[in-house]
Protein backbone atom coordinates (compact mmCIF):
# COMPACT_ATOMS: atom_id res chain seq x y z
CA MET A 1 -233.88 -74.31 -86.20
CA VAL A 2 -233.01 -77.66 -85.54
CA SER A 3 -234.22 -80.34 -87.84
CA ARG A 4 -234.71 -83.95 -86.92
CA ILE A 5 -235.56 -86.86 -89.07
CA PRO A 6 -238.43 -88.56 -87.34
CA ARG A 7 -238.85 -91.33 -89.93
CA LEU A 8 -238.03 -92.09 -93.86
CA PHE A 9 -240.14 -93.28 -96.46
CA ALA A 10 -239.26 -95.78 -99.29
CA TRP A 11 -241.05 -97.44 -102.39
CA VAL A 12 -240.33 -101.00 -101.99
CA ALA A 13 -240.59 -103.71 -104.15
CA GLU A 14 -241.66 -107.48 -102.76
CA GLU A 15 -240.09 -109.84 -104.62
CA GLY A 16 -241.61 -113.59 -105.56
CA ASP A 17 -239.39 -115.19 -103.01
CA GLY A 18 -240.28 -112.93 -100.03
CA GLY A 19 -237.62 -110.46 -100.30
CA GLU A 20 -237.93 -106.97 -100.62
CA SER A 21 -235.65 -104.28 -102.91
CA VAL A 22 -235.90 -100.18 -102.56
CA ILE A 23 -236.81 -99.61 -105.97
CA LEU A 24 -234.23 -97.05 -107.87
CA GLY A 25 -235.00 -94.47 -110.14
CA LEU A 26 -233.22 -91.67 -112.75
CA LEU A 27 -234.04 -88.68 -111.20
CA PRO A 28 -233.76 -85.43 -112.87
CA ASP A 29 -229.99 -84.31 -113.68
CA VAL A 30 -228.57 -87.18 -111.88
CA ALA A 31 -226.59 -89.50 -114.21
CA THR A 32 -226.63 -92.53 -111.26
CA PRO A 33 -229.75 -94.40 -110.65
CA MET A 34 -230.76 -93.06 -107.12
CA PRO A 35 -233.20 -95.24 -104.04
CA LEU A 36 -236.59 -93.77 -103.77
CA ILE A 37 -235.99 -92.96 -100.05
CA SER A 38 -236.92 -89.48 -98.70
CA ALA A 39 -237.97 -87.93 -95.50
CA ASP A 40 -240.60 -85.95 -97.05
CA LEU A 41 -243.96 -87.80 -97.80
CA GLU A 42 -244.57 -84.97 -100.47
CA GLN A 43 -241.46 -85.97 -102.12
CA MET A 44 -242.43 -89.82 -102.44
CA GLU A 45 -245.63 -88.75 -104.28
CA ALA A 46 -243.21 -87.39 -106.55
CA TYR A 47 -241.53 -90.76 -107.17
CA ARG A 48 -244.71 -92.55 -107.79
CA ALA A 49 -244.43 -92.60 -111.40
CA TYR A 50 -241.21 -94.57 -111.08
CA ALA A 51 -243.05 -97.26 -108.49
CA THR A 52 -246.06 -97.95 -111.02
CA THR A 53 -243.44 -98.39 -113.97
CA VAL A 54 -241.66 -101.16 -111.62
CA ALA A 55 -244.80 -102.63 -110.64
CA THR A 56 -245.95 -102.87 -114.37
CA ARG A 57 -242.88 -103.95 -115.69
CA SER A 58 -241.81 -106.50 -113.30
CA GLY A 59 -245.01 -107.82 -112.27
CA CYS A 60 -243.79 -107.30 -108.53
CA THR A 61 -246.41 -105.80 -105.50
CA VAL A 62 -244.91 -102.21 -104.63
CA ARG A 63 -245.66 -100.69 -101.45
CA LEU A 64 -244.86 -97.14 -99.80
CA LYS A 65 -243.18 -98.04 -96.64
CA ALA A 66 -242.55 -95.69 -93.52
CA PHE A 67 -239.81 -96.51 -91.40
CA ALA A 68 -239.21 -94.73 -87.68
CA VAL A 69 -237.40 -96.61 -85.67
CA THR A 70 -233.57 -95.31 -85.27
CA THR A 71 -230.47 -97.46 -84.28
CA ILE A 72 -227.35 -95.68 -84.32
CA LEU A 73 -224.64 -98.20 -85.95
CA GLU A 74 -221.94 -95.54 -86.37
CA THR A 75 -220.85 -92.25 -85.91
CA ILE A 76 -218.10 -90.35 -88.01
CA TRP A 77 -216.70 -87.44 -86.04
CA PRO A 78 -214.95 -84.71 -87.89
CA ARG A 79 -211.89 -85.59 -86.20
CA ALA A 80 -211.87 -89.41 -87.44
CA ARG A 81 -213.15 -90.50 -84.25
CA VAL A 82 -215.26 -93.61 -84.35
CA TYR A 83 -217.99 -95.10 -82.27
CA ARG A 84 -219.60 -98.50 -83.29
CA SER A 85 -222.75 -99.92 -81.88
CA SER A 86 -222.24 -103.20 -80.02
CA ILE A 87 -225.17 -104.24 -82.41
């Protein structure tokens, strides 16, 4: 079965200067903070507690965003052939 990623979801904090940041969370069994990004909307619901904590502690507005446009910037082939986009 072919599985494609039609879109990605991310919890994003909107900063006071107009910038945005993807929220990081400490996930179970992972010692390093990981970005709260997934292709699975149900998984994003599981990250809601982290997003709520960030909004409360930082004072930033936090939004769940969906990203659906795909632009391939680089392809790494198994035998080290590299294709780079002209972007």
